[in-house]
């Protein structure tokens, strides 16, 4: 992996169940995770003489990382209040099939263009999602990379350099250092798997309130209602130059809108009525993600998913980590620490994020461009 990130070109910005446990019952508010775990859970009802084979095959699909072993004991306190915090990353590898899907060059590196802290509240009826802009300048802690090499701490580097420098463990360590919140789980979703999963689901319906045209993400949509296939969905969640002020913050707003549309659609799909479709979804989903080792089995994913059924889009709060544009570089943002501390304090206490935490912070100008149909 490369040590740092080459910034993306573009115009400057202008403005109650059992399972593996840490903090009580497991829960999970991310979409790709949700589909992964839910469909895996459904496999358990297929039964028959082929069950053992299917179970072993799906288990073999799941890639996992032992975050606890990698980070040791130098982590935030494990607070047992029934809530869960999950770091969800969208990996932007430029190698193999992902290069064709995402554009760019195959330089052998991997990036985390999408990062979200998913907080599932006690009772698993509500969730909060905090997106972390990839362009945020942060202090990255000392990390050990995937080859066992120690990588020194660094100041004023882009947030997504943590993943490219030290992989999943370094990304988790950086988030925990920024927030003071222990991540109970880690889930990573890659490009190729994301596209195929959307296609397996039959697409996702959204409405655009204005035209979107971004050659960089290979997306062109007229204002109106669309059922996005996998390639279009991938383009949407990667679009930044065709909406708002052209910043990563605008892209985050599109991602959050798409996530809500996906959650709504998944709840409406009767996958359990078709064993083959269920298996195809489970096969794709388990190939799509990398998880922490505690979630690295069909059984644990199924157990983890069972507490999420009550979370609907109306019970999800989605915000962007409070930031301000960097006066020295309009293509970068800086965490607004006083306001961000309000977010972290609320999540630690398992309470709603106050509106004051995001008032007056940089936004990106793409709010309302995409809506759930």
Protein backbone atom coordinates (compact mmCIF):
# COMPACT_ATOMS: atom_id res chain seq x y z
CA UNK A 1 0.00 0.00 0.00
CA UNK A 2 1.16 3.52 -0.64
CA UNK A 3 1.88 5.77 2.28
CA UNK A 4 -0.20 8.74 1.25
CA UNK A 5 -3.08 9.70 -1.02
CA UNK A 6 -2.99 11.64 -4.24
CA UNK A 7 -5.91 14.10 -4.01
CA UNK A 8 -8.69 13.72 -6.50
CA UNK A 9 -8.57 16.44 -9.18
CA UNK A 10 -11.45 18.84 -9.47
CA UNK A 11 -12.62 22.39 -8.84
CA UNK A 12 -11.83 23.85 -5.44
CA UNK A 13 -14.43 24.03 -2.74
CA UNK A 14 -16.01 27.38 -2.21
CA UNK A 15 -17.42 27.37 1.05
CA UNK A 16 -31.73 -7.66 22.07
CA UNK A 17 -30.04 -10.59 20.70
CA UNK A 18 -27.10 -12.80 21.32
CA UNK A 19 -23.88 -12.97 19.35
CA UNK A 20 -20.38 -11.57 19.73
CA UNK A 21 -20.54 -8.85 22.35
CA UNK A 22 -18.69 -5.81 23.56
CA UNK A 23 -21.44 -3.43 24.53
CA UNK A 24 -24.56 -5.49 24.98
CA UNK A 25 -26.73 -6.70 22.10
CA UNK A 26 -25.36 -6.36 18.59
CA UNK A 27 -26.83 -4.04 16.06
CA UNK A 28 -25.88 -2.54 12.78
CA UNK A 29 -27.18 0.45 10.87
CA UNK A 30 -25.23 0.37 7.64
CA UNK A 31 -26.82 -0.78 4.44
CA UNK A 32 -24.29 -3.01 2.84
CA UNK A 33 -23.71 -4.54 6.26
CA UNK A 34 -27.40 -4.88 6.77
CA UNK A 35 -27.98 -6.67 3.47
CA UNK A 36 -24.95 -8.86 4.13
CA UNK A 37 -26.05 -10.00 7.55
CA UNK A 38 -29.76 -10.24 6.77
CA UNK A 39 -29.29 -12.40 3.69
CA UNK A 40 -26.75 -14.54 5.50
CA UNK A 41 -29.30 -15.04 8.25
CA UNK A 42 -31.83 -16.18 5.67
CA UNK A 43 -29.49 -18.89 4.44
CA UNK A 44 -29.93 -20.59 7.78
CA UNK A 45 -33.55 -21.39 6.91
CA UNK A 46 -32.75 -23.11 3.62
CA UNK A 47 -31.94 -26.40 5.36
CA UNK A 48 -31.85 -29.59 3.36
CA UNK A 49 -28.94 -31.87 2.59
CA UNK A 50 -26.98 -29.02 1.02
CA UNK A 51 -27.01 -26.83 4.11
CA UNK A 52 -23.57 -27.84 5.31
CA UNK A 53 -22.06 -27.09 1.92
CA UNK A 54 -23.80 -23.71 1.64
CA UNK A 55 -22.78 -22.75 5.15
CA UNK A 56 -19.14 -23.63 4.57
CA UNK A 57 -19.10 -21.87 1.21
CA UNK A 58 -20.57 -18.65 2.60
CA UNK A 59 -18.24 -18.75 5.58
CA UNK A 60 -15.37 -19.07 3.15
CA UNK A 61 -16.49 -15.93 1.34
CA UNK A 62 -16.13 -13.69 4.38
CA UNK A 63 -12.81 -11.93 4.85
CA UNK A 64 -11.98 -10.70 8.33
CA UNK A 65 -9.38 -8.69 10.23
CA UNK A 66 -8.52 -9.21 13.91
CA UNK A 67 -8.78 -5.57 15.00
CA UNK A 68 -8.53 -6.38 18.71
CA UNK A 69 -5.25 -8.21 18.31
CA UNK A 70 -3.83 -5.53 16.03
CA UNK A 71 -4.65 -2.65 18.39
CA UNK A 72 -4.15 -4.32 21.75
CA UNK A 73 -5.29 -2.58 24.92
CA UNK A 74 -4.41 1.01 24.04
CA UNK A 75 -7.96 1.90 23.07
CA UNK A 76 -10.91 3.92 24.41
CA UNK A 77 -12.85 2.42 27.29
CA UNK A 78 -15.39 -0.23 26.40
CA UNK A 79 -18.66 1.30 27.64
CA UNK A 80 -21.35 -1.29 28.35
CA UNK A 81 -24.55 0.70 27.81
CA UNK A 82 -26.26 -1.48 25.18
CA UNK A 83 -25.23 0.65 22.21
CA UNK A 84 -22.91 -0.31 19.35
CA UNK A 85 -20.46 1.66 17.23
CA UNK A 86 -19.36 0.31 13.86
CA UNK A 87 -16.81 1.84 11.50
CA UNK A 88 -17.93 1.32 7.92
CA UNK A 89 -15.48 1.99 5.10
CA UNK A 90 -15.98 1.95 1.35
CA UNK A 91 -12.66 0.79 -0.06
CA UNK A 92 -11.43 2.45 -3.23
CA UNK A 93 -8.87 -0.04 -4.48
CA UNK A 94 -7.66 0.80 -7.99
CA UNK A 95 -6.55 -2.71 -8.79
CA UNK A 96 -8.26 -5.39 -10.87
CA UNK A 97 -12.00 -4.98 -11.50
CA UNK A 98 -12.25 -1.97 -9.21
CA UNK A 99 -10.03 0.09 -11.51
CA UNK A 100 -12.49 -0.42 -14.35
CA UNK A 101 -15.43 0.50 -12.14
CA UNK A 102 -13.96 3.44 -10.31
CA UNK A 103 -11.69 5.07 -12.83
CA UNK A 104 -8.16 6.17 -12.07
CA UNK A 105 -5.00 4.15 -12.39
CA UNK A 106 -3.98 0.79 -11.00
CA UNK A 107 -1.23 1.81 -8.61
CA UNK A 108 -1.65 -1.20 -6.30
CA UNK A 109 -2.94 0.95 -3.47
CA UNK A 110 -6.25 1.04 -1.65
CA UNK A 111 -8.12 4.04 -0.33
CA UNK A 112 -11.14 4.66 1.88
CA UNK A 113 -13.24 7.19 0.01
CA UNK A 114 -16.26 6.58 2.23
CA UNK A 115 -16.14 6.40 6.01
CA UNK A 116 -19.05 6.31 8.43
CA UNK A 117 -19.45 5.73 12.15
CA UNK A 118 -22.73 3.88 12.61
CA UNK A 119 -24.08 4.18 16.16
CA UNK A 120 -26.91 1.78 17.01
CA UNK A 121 -28.73 2.95 20.10
CA UNK A 122 -29.69 0.71 22.99
CA UNK A 123 -32.80 -1.24 22.06
CA UNK A 124 -31.81 -1.28 18.36
CA UNK A 125 -34.74 0.88 17.29
CA UNK A 126 -32.69 3.92 16.27
CA UNK A 127 -29.36 4.62 14.64
CA UNK A 128 -27.11 7.61 13.99
CA UNK A 129 -24.65 7.74 11.11
CA UNK A 130 -21.74 10.18 11.15
CA UNK A 131 -19.88 10.49 7.87
CA UNK A 132 -16.20 11.43 8.04
CA UNK A 133 -14.96 13.43 5.04
CA UNK A 134 -11.98 11.76 3.39
CA UNK A 135 -10.38 15.17 2.88
CA UNK A 136 -10.28 16.01 6.58
CA UNK A 137 -6.77 16.88 7.77
CA UNK A 138 -6.06 14.84 10.89
CA UNK A 139 -3.33 13.68 13.21
CA UNK A 140 -2.80 10.07 12.28
CA UNK A 141 -1.48 7.95 15.17
CA UNK A 142 1.41 5.53 14.93
CA UNK A 143 0.26 2.36 13.16
CA UNK A 144 1.54 -1.05 12.17
CA UNK A 145 0.76 -1.78 8.54
CA UNK A 146 -0.47 -5.06 7.07
CA UNK A 147 3.12 -6.23 6.55
CA UNK A 148 4.03 -5.67 10.20
CA UNK A 149 6.02 -2.51 9.53
CA UNK A 150 5.70 0.31 12.03
CA UNK A 151 4.47 3.54 10.46
CA UNK A 152 5.16 6.70 12.46
CA UNK A 153 2.47 9.17 13.46
CA UNK A 154 1.80 12.04 11.07
CA UNK A 155 0.18 15.45 11.34
CA UNK A 156 -2.02 17.29 8.85
CA UNK A 157 -2.60 14.30 6.58
CA UNK A 158 -5.83 13.37 4.89
CA UNK A 159 -8.08 11.08 6.89
CA UNK A 160 -8.12 8.39 4.22
CA UNK A 161 -4.34 8.11 4.39
CA UNK A 162 -4.84 6.04 7.55
CA UNK A 163 -6.30 3.17 5.54
CA UNK A 164 -3.77 3.36 2.74
CA UNK A 165 -0.94 3.50 5.28
CA UNK A 166 -1.95 0.77 7.71
CA UNK A 167 -5.15 -0.85 6.50
CA UNK A 168 -8.25 -1.51 8.58
CA UNK A 169 -6.53 -1.46 11.97
CA UNK A 170 -4.95 1.93 11.31
CA UNK A 171 -8.27 3.34 10.12
CA UNK A 172 -9.97 2.14 13.31
CA UNK A 173 -7.14 3.49 15.45
CA UNK A 174 -7.36 6.89 13.76
CA UNK A 175 -11.12 7.10 14.26
CA UNK A 176 -10.81 6.09 17.91
CA UNK A 177 -8.10 8.70 18.39
CA UNK A 178 -10.28 11.40 16.82
CA UNK A 179 -13.48 10.53 18.67
CA UNK A 180 -12.51 8.84 21.94
CA UNK A 181 -15.11 6.18 21.05
CA UNK A 182 -14.24 2.50 20.85
CA UNK A 183 -15.36 0.88 17.61
CA UNK A 184 -17.11 -2.40 18.39
CA UNK A 185 -17.02 -3.57 14.80
CA UNK A 186 -15.46 -2.88 11.44
CA UNK A 187 -17.03 -3.46 8.03
CA UNK A 188 -15.46 -2.67 4.67
CA UNK A 189 -17.26 -2.75 1.32
CA UNK A 190 -15.47 -2.77 -2.04
CA UNK A 191 -16.46 -1.32 -5.43
CA UNK A 192 -17.05 -4.48 -7.44
CA UNK A 193 -19.10 -6.13 -4.71
CA UNK A 194 -21.20 -3.01 -4.16
CA UNK A 195 -22.13 -2.82 -7.83
CA UNK A 196 -23.04 -6.50 -8.06
CA UNK A 197 -25.06 -6.35 -4.85
CA UNK A 198 -27.20 -3.50 -6.16
CA UNK A 199 -27.80 -5.42 -9.38
CA UNK A 200 -28.77 -8.54 -7.38
CA UNK A 201 -31.27 -6.43 -5.45
CA UNK A 202 -32.84 -5.29 -8.72
CA UNK A 203 -31.63 -1.72 -8.47
CA UNK A 204 -32.50 1.12 -6.13
CA UNK A 205 -35.10 3.77 -6.87
CA UNK A 206 -34.23 7.39 -6.21
CA UNK A 207 -35.43 10.79 -7.39
CA UNK A 208 -33.06 13.53 -8.48
CA UNK A 209 -34.29 17.11 -8.14
CA UNK A 210 -31.79 18.39 -10.72
CA UNK A 211 -29.59 17.01 -13.48
CA UNK A 212 -26.37 15.26 -12.45
CA UNK A 213 -23.56 15.07 -14.96
CA UNK A 214 -20.14 13.95 -13.73
CA UNK A 215 -17.80 12.34 -16.29
CA UNK A 216 -15.32 11.51 -13.50
CA UNK A 217 -17.78 9.10 -11.89
CA UNK A 218 -19.33 8.18 -15.25
CA UNK A 219 -22.80 9.28 -14.19
CA UNK A 220 -25.36 11.27 -16.12
CA UNK A 221 -28.92 11.55 -14.78
CA UNK A 222 -31.71 13.90 -15.73
CA UNK A 223 -33.90 15.33 -13.00
CA UNK A 224 -36.60 12.80 -12.19
CA UNK A 225 -37.16 9.31 -10.83
CA UNK A 226 -34.68 6.56 -11.68
CA UNK A 227 -34.08 2.93 -10.76
CA UNK A 228 -30.31 2.86 -10.54
CA UNK A 229 -28.46 -0.28 -11.55
CA UNK A 230 -25.21 -1.19 -9.86
CA UNK A 231 -22.96 0.90 -12.09
CA UNK A 232 -25.19 3.96 -11.76
CA UNK A 233 -25.45 3.53 -7.99
CA UNK A 234 -21.69 3.32 -7.73
CA UNK A 235 -21.37 6.44 -9.84
CA UNK A 236 -23.83 8.27 -7.61
CA UNK A 237 -22.05 7.53 -4.35
CA UNK A 238 -18.76 8.59 -5.94
CA UNK A 239 -20.03 11.77 -7.61
CA UNK A 240 -18.62 15.03 -6.34
CA UNK A 241 -17.98 17.32 -9.30
CA UNK A 242 -21.48 17.26 -10.76
CA UNK A 243 -23.33 18.57 -7.69
CA UNK A 244 -23.13 21.22 -4.99
CA UNK A 245 -19.80 22.97 -4.63
CA UNK A 246 -17.78 20.12 -6.07
CA UNK A 247 -16.46 19.04 -2.69
CA UNK A 248 -16.32 15.73 -0.85
CA UNK A 249 -18.97 17.13 1.49
CA UNK A 250 -21.47 17.24 -1.38
CA UNK A 251 -20.65 13.65 -2.24
CA UNK A 252 -21.36 12.66 1.36
CA UNK A 253 -24.81 14.23 1.11
CA UNK A 254 -25.54 12.10 -1.97
CA UNK A 255 -24.24 8.99 -0.20
CA UNK A 256 -26.49 9.58 2.78
CA UNK A 257 -29.55 10.07 0.57
CA UNK A 258 -28.73 6.88 -1.35
CA UNK A 259 -28.27 4.91 1.87
CA UNK A 260 -31.75 5.89 3.01
CA UNK A 261 -33.20 4.82 -0.34
CA UNK A 262 -31.36 1.50 -0.09
CA UNK A 263 -32.59 0.84 3.44
CA UNK A 264 -36.15 1.52 2.33
CA UNK A 265 -35.81 -0.81 -0.65
CA UNK A 266 -34.24 -3.66 1.31
CA UNK A 267 -37.15 -3.58 3.73
CA UNK A 268 -39.57 -3.94 0.81
CA UNK A 269 -37.82 -6.91 -0.84
CA UNK A 270 -39.22 -10.36 -0.15
CA UNK A 271 -35.95 -12.23 -0.58
CA UNK A 272 -37.04 -15.06 1.69
CA UNK A 273 -39.71 -16.05 -0.86
CA UNK A 274 -37.03 -17.23 -3.31
CA UNK A 275 -34.31 -19.53 -1.95
CA UNK A 276 -32.18 -19.07 -5.08
CA UNK A 277 -32.39 -15.31 -4.94
CA UNK A 278 -31.65 -15.44 -1.24
CA UNK A 279 -28.58 -17.55 -1.85
CA UNK A 280 -27.36 -15.32 -4.68
CA UNK A 281 -27.71 -12.26 -2.46
CA UNK A 282 -25.98 -13.96 0.43
CA UNK A 283 -23.16 -15.17 -1.80
CA UNK A 284 -22.60 -11.71 -3.25
CA UNK A 285 -22.95 -9.94 0.07
CA UNK A 286 -20.51 -12.17 1.90
CA UNK A 287 -17.99 -11.71 -0.91
CA UNK A 288 -18.45 -7.94 -0.79
CA UNK A 289 -17.41 -7.23 2.77
CA UNK A 290 -14.43 -7.52 5.03
CA UNK A 291 -15.33 -7.52 8.73
CA UNK A 292 -13.65 -7.62 12.09
CA UNK A 293 -12.94 -11.17 13.19
CA UNK A 294 -15.90 -11.29 15.60
CA UNK A 295 -18.31 -10.90 12.69
CA UNK A 296 -16.37 -13.19 10.37
CA UNK A 297 -18.89 -16.03 10.16
CA UNK A 298 -22.41 -16.55 8.83
CA UNK A 299 -23.66 -17.39 12.33
CA UNK A 300 -22.31 -14.21 13.86
CA UNK A 301 -23.52 -12.04 11.02
CA UNK A 302 -26.98 -13.57 11.33
CA UNK A 303 -27.05 -13.00 15.08
CA UNK A 304 -25.76 -9.49 14.62
CA UNK A 305 -28.41 -8.64 12.02
CA UNK A 306 -31.42 -9.89 13.95
CA UNK A 307 -31.66 -6.79 16.12
CA UNK A 308 -31.87 -4.33 13.23
CA UNK A 309 -35.33 -5.05 11.91
CA UNK A 310 -36.89 -2.17 13.82
CA UNK A 311 -34.62 0.52 12.36
CA UNK A 312 -36.31 2.42 9.54
CA UNK A 313 -35.19 5.50 7.64
CA UNK A 314 -37.34 7.69 9.87
CA UNK A 315 -35.36 6.40 12.85
CA UNK A 316 -31.97 7.10 11.31
CA UNK A 317 -30.13 10.36 11.90
CA UNK A 318 -27.44 11.08 9.33
CA UNK A 319 -24.92 13.88 9.72
CA UNK A 320 -21.46 14.79 8.55
CA UNK A 321 -18.72 15.18 11.14
CA UNK A 322 -18.62 18.94 11.88
CA UNK A 323 -15.91 20.52 9.73
CA UNK A 324 -14.88 23.85 8.28
CA UNK A 325 -13.05 24.47 5.03
CA UNK A 326 -9.31 24.85 5.49
CA UNK A 327 -8.38 28.53 4.90
CA UNK A 328 -5.00 27.42 3.56
CA UNK A 329 -6.43 24.91 1.07
CA UNK A 330 -10.04 24.99 -0.13
CA UNK A 331 -9.74 21.32 -1.15
CA UNK A 332 -9.31 20.25 2.47
CA UNK A 333 -11.43 20.50 5.61
CA UNK A 334 -10.61 20.72 9.30
CA UNK A 335 -12.61 19.13 12.10
CA UNK A 336 -14.58 21.74 14.03
CA UNK A 337 -13.49 20.36 17.37
CA UNK A 338 -15.94 22.13 19.72
CA UNK A 339 -18.90 21.03 17.61
CA UNK A 340 -17.49 17.58 16.87
CA UNK A 341 -17.04 17.06 20.61
CA UNK A 342 -20.81 17.54 20.98
CA UNK A 343 -21.31 14.66 18.53
CA UNK A 344 -18.84 12.33 20.25
CA UNK A 345 -20.22 13.18 23.69
CA UNK A 346 -23.77 12.38 22.55
CA UNK A 347 -22.77 9.03 21.06
CA UNK A 348 -20.77 8.03 24.12
CA UNK A 349 -23.83 8.74 26.26
CA UNK A 350 -26.12 6.94 23.76
CA UNK A 351 -28.10 10.13 23.25
CA UNK A 352 -29.34 11.95 20.12
CA UNK A 353 -26.90 14.23 18.35
CA UNK A 354 -27.90 17.82 19.14
CA UNK A 355 -28.76 20.07 16.21
CA UNK A 356 -26.34 22.65 17.53
CA UNK A 357 -23.49 20.26 16.73
CA UNK A 358 -23.82 20.78 12.98
CA UNK A 359 -25.24 24.30 12.84
CA UNK A 360 -22.94 26.66 10.97
CA UNK A 361 -20.56 23.96 9.71
CA UNK A 362 -19.51 23.33 6.11
CA UNK A 363 -22.08 21.33 4.15
CA UNK A 364 -21.21 20.87 0.47
CA UNK A 365 -24.39 22.29 -1.08
CA UNK A 366 -25.91 19.02 -2.33
CA UNK A 367 -28.65 18.58 0.24
CA UNK A 368 -31.93 17.59 -1.45
CA UNK A 369 -30.39 16.75 -4.82
CA UNK A 370 -31.26 13.07 -4.28
CA UNK A 371 -34.37 11.86 -2.48
CA UNK A 372 -35.93 8.48 -1.73
CA UNK A 373 -38.77 7.74 -4.13
